[in-house]
């Protein structure tokens, strides 16, 4: 169920009406959402029975639409939404992103959008944790933290705060804490 603003279809119930107090049912074809991630004006869910992803709102419309799994992906362990992009961690520790990408937040080496096709984040394998922000994302691999996308105010942990990164860059001096470990 979802509630709140609905002007961009982000409630997923087929309308563009707000529902600030009453949760509305998101029709998922009788399937159960195992995980849900909410961005600024969209949401995505991993469906437990099929391990498929459905998204609604902003670029997807006011009803859930399927975002096809990449070849070889049989399960998702984590899904996170940024402002207008979404990233998911697969069963092999690979990160896949889709949505808006003008700041490099899809992590595939380009600064372009991929609304409903998941692209693999470049040179990042064995990830165990994933988070997404407004126009960036980060993942842990072993004891290292890698981030990509917009670096406004140092979001990706890099000294050059005017540059965005279309591929993962290591965050210098990162030491994992119990809060961020899996």
Protein backbone atom coordinates (compact mmCIF):
# COMPACT_ATOMS: atom_id res chain seq x y z
CA UNK A 1 0.00 0.00 0.00
CA UNK A 2 1.05 3.59 -0.66
CA UNK A 3 -0.09 6.99 0.55
CA UNK A 4 0.91 10.62 0.10
CA UNK A 5 1.22 12.74 -3.05
CA UNK A 6 -0.07 11.11 -6.21
CA UNK A 7 0.19 13.79 -8.90
CA UNK A 8 2.89 11.85 -10.80
CA UNK A 9 1.21 8.46 -10.31
CA UNK A 10 3.61 7.61 -7.51
CA UNK A 11 0.90 5.88 -5.47
CA UNK A 12 0.57 3.24 -8.19
CA UNK A 13 -3.19 2.83 -7.87
CA UNK A 14 -4.09 4.03 -11.37
CA UNK A 15 -4.94 7.58 -10.38
CA UNK A 16 -3.10 10.86 -10.09
CA UNK A 17 -4.87 11.84 -6.90
CA UNK A 18 -3.24 12.48 -3.54
CA UNK A 19 -4.06 10.19 -0.64
CA UNK A 20 -2.35 11.74 2.37
CA UNK A 21 -4.17 9.80 5.09
CA UNK A 22 -5.54 6.63 3.55
CA UNK A 23 -3.22 3.96 2.11
CA UNK A 24 -4.21 2.74 -1.36
CA UNK A 25 -3.60 -0.73 -2.75
CA UNK A 26 -0.96 -1.02 -5.48
CA UNK A 27 -2.14 -3.68 -7.94
CA UNK A 28 0.73 -6.13 -8.41
CA UNK A 29 -1.19 -8.85 -10.22
CA UNK A 30 -1.79 -10.89 -7.09
CA UNK A 31 1.92 -11.06 -6.30
CA UNK A 32 3.58 -9.99 -3.05
CA UNK A 33 6.18 -7.22 -2.79
CA UNK A 34 9.30 -8.54 -1.07
CA UNK A 35 11.06 -5.17 -1.09
CA UNK A 36 9.99 -1.62 -2.00
CA UNK A 37 12.12 1.42 -2.80
CA UNK A 38 10.72 4.95 -3.06
CA UNK A 39 12.33 7.79 -5.00
CA UNK A 40 11.23 11.41 -5.30
CA UNK A 41 8.27 10.72 -7.62
CA UNK A 42 8.41 6.97 -8.26
CA UNK A 43 8.51 3.64 -6.45
CA UNK A 44 9.67 0.15 -7.39
CA UNK A 45 9.03 -3.27 -5.89
CA UNK A 46 10.71 -6.65 -6.14
CA UNK A 47 8.00 -9.30 -6.41
CA UNK A 48 8.78 -12.29 -4.23
CA UNK A 49 7.24 -15.04 -6.35
CA UNK A 50 8.92 -14.04 -9.62
CA UNK A 51 11.91 -11.92 -8.50
CA UNK A 52 10.80 -9.40 -11.11
CA UNK A 53 10.74 -5.62 -10.65
CA UNK A 54 7.75 -3.35 -11.18
CA UNK A 55 7.81 0.45 -10.97
CA UNK A 56 5.22 3.22 -11.00
CA UNK A 57 5.08 7.02 -10.92
CA UNK A 58 7.11 9.70 -12.74
CA UNK A 59 8.38 8.06 -15.98
CA UNK A 60 6.43 4.81 -15.49
CA UNK A 61 2.79 5.92 -15.25
CA UNK A 62 0.23 5.57 -12.51
CA UNK A 63 0.09 1.76 -12.57
CA UNK A 64 3.00 -0.66 -12.01
CA UNK A 65 4.96 -1.60 -15.15
CA UNK A 66 7.54 -4.35 -15.46
CA UNK A 67 11.22 -3.49 -15.73
CA UNK A 68 12.72 -6.62 -17.32
CA UNK A 69 15.43 -8.47 -15.44
CA UNK A 70 18.78 -8.64 -17.23
CA UNK A 71 19.76 -12.04 -18.64
CA UNK A 72 21.10 -14.33 -15.92
CA UNK A 73 19.54 -12.47 -12.99
CA UNK A 74 17.40 -14.88 -10.98
CA UNK A 75 17.10 -13.04 -7.66
CA UNK A 76 17.44 -9.59 -6.14
CA UNK A 77 18.91 -9.13 -2.68
CA UNK A 78 18.37 -5.38 -2.40
CA UNK A 79 16.67 -2.50 -4.25
CA UNK A 80 17.18 1.22 -3.61
CA UNK A 81 15.70 4.31 -5.25
CA UNK A 82 17.34 7.69 -5.67
CA UNK A 83 15.61 10.85 -6.84
CA UNK A 84 14.79 9.61 -10.34
CA UNK A 85 16.80 6.39 -10.64
CA UNK A 86 16.74 2.95 -9.07
CA UNK A 87 19.51 0.43 -8.42
CA UNK A 88 19.28 -3.22 -7.44
CA UNK A 89 21.77 -5.80 -6.20
CA UNK A 90 21.50 -9.26 -7.78
CA UNK A 91 22.24 -12.72 -6.38
CA UNK A 92 25.83 -12.61 -7.70
CA UNK A 93 26.75 -9.26 -6.15
CA UNK A 94 26.33 -7.25 -9.34
CA UNK A 95 24.63 -3.85 -9.27
CA UNK A 96 22.12 -2.82 -11.95
CA UNK A 97 20.57 0.64 -12.32
CA UNK A 98 17.89 2.28 -14.47
CA UNK A 99 16.05 5.60 -14.74
CA UNK A 100 17.52 9.09 -15.15
CA UNK A 101 21.28 9.14 -15.63
CA UNK A 102 22.40 12.65 -16.60
CA UNK A 103 24.75 12.87 -13.57
CA UNK A 104 26.16 9.37 -14.14
CA UNK A 105 23.98 7.86 -11.40
CA UNK A 106 23.40 4.68 -13.44
CA UNK A 107 27.10 3.91 -13.10
CA UNK A 108 27.59 2.34 -16.53
CA UNK A 109 30.17 4.86 -17.74
CA UNK A 110 27.63 7.04 -19.55
CA UNK A 111 25.63 10.10 -18.56
CA UNK A 112 22.36 9.17 -20.22
CA UNK A 113 18.94 7.87 -19.23
CA UNK A 114 17.80 4.25 -19.34
CA UNK A 115 14.18 4.40 -18.13
CA UNK A 116 13.15 0.74 -18.28
CA UNK A 117 16.32 -1.16 -19.19
CA UNK A 118 18.64 -2.10 -16.36
CA UNK A 119 22.31 -1.36 -17.05
CA UNK A 120 25.13 -3.00 -15.13
CA UNK A 121 27.29 -0.72 -13.02
CA UNK A 122 30.80 -0.77 -14.52
CA UNK A 123 33.58 -2.84 -12.93
CA UNK A 124 31.69 -3.49 -9.71
CA UNK A 125 31.34 -7.14 -8.70
CA UNK A 126 30.91 -8.75 -5.31
CA UNK A 127 28.86 -5.94 -3.79
CA UNK A 128 27.15 -6.72 -0.50
CA UNK A 129 25.34 -3.47 0.30
CA UNK A 130 23.75 -0.75 -1.81
CA UNK A 131 22.29 2.71 -1.15
CA UNK A 132 21.00 5.46 -3.46
CA UNK A 133 20.65 9.20 -3.01
CA UNK A 134 19.13 12.01 -5.05
CA UNK A 135 21.50 11.69 -8.04
CA UNK A 136 24.13 9.19 -6.87
CA UNK A 137 24.51 5.66 -5.51
CA UNK A 138 27.07 3.76 -3.42
CA UNK A 139 27.90 0.10 -2.83
CA UNK A 140 30.28 -1.80 -0.60
CA UNK A 141 32.63 -4.39 -2.05
CA UNK A 142 34.65 -6.13 0.64
CA UNK A 143 35.94 -3.40 2.93
CA UNK A 144 35.71 -0.69 0.27
CA UNK A 145 32.97 1.79 -0.57
CA UNK A 146 32.40 2.83 -4.18
CA UNK A 147 30.11 5.67 -5.30
CA UNK A 148 29.01 7.11 -8.65
CA UNK A 149 26.82 9.95 -9.92
CA UNK A 150 26.55 13.58 -8.89
CA UNK A 151 29.20 14.78 -6.44
CA UNK A 152 27.50 18.02 -5.34
CA UNK A 153 28.58 18.69 -1.74
CA UNK A 154 30.90 15.66 -1.89
CA UNK A 155 28.12 13.04 -2.22
CA UNK A 156 30.46 10.51 -3.80
CA UNK A 157 33.24 11.16 -1.30
CA UNK A 158 35.54 12.81 -3.83
CA UNK A 159 37.43 16.07 -3.34
CA UNK A 160 36.33 17.51 -6.72
CA UNK A 161 32.80 18.57 -5.78
CA UNK A 162 31.95 20.05 -9.17
CA UNK A 163 32.38 16.81 -11.10
CA UNK A 164 30.05 13.87 -11.48
CA UNK A 165 31.26 10.30 -11.93
CA UNK A 166 29.62 7.96 -14.48
CA UNK A 167 31.52 4.93 -13.15
CA UNK A 168 32.20 3.84 -9.55
CA UNK A 169 35.04 5.56 -7.72
CA UNK A 170 36.50 4.38 -4.41
CA UNK A 171 35.78 6.58 -1.41
CA UNK A 172 39.16 7.37 0.16
CA UNK A 173 39.56 6.58 3.85
CA UNK A 174 36.31 4.61 4.14
CA UNK A 175 36.15 2.30 7.14
CA UNK A 176 33.00 0.19 7.37
CA UNK A 177 30.89 0.54 10.48
CA UNK A 178 28.46 -1.98 11.96
CA UNK A 179 25.58 0.21 10.74
CA UNK A 180 26.65 -0.08 7.08
CA UNK A 181 27.86 -3.68 7.08
CA UNK A 182 25.71 -6.57 5.96
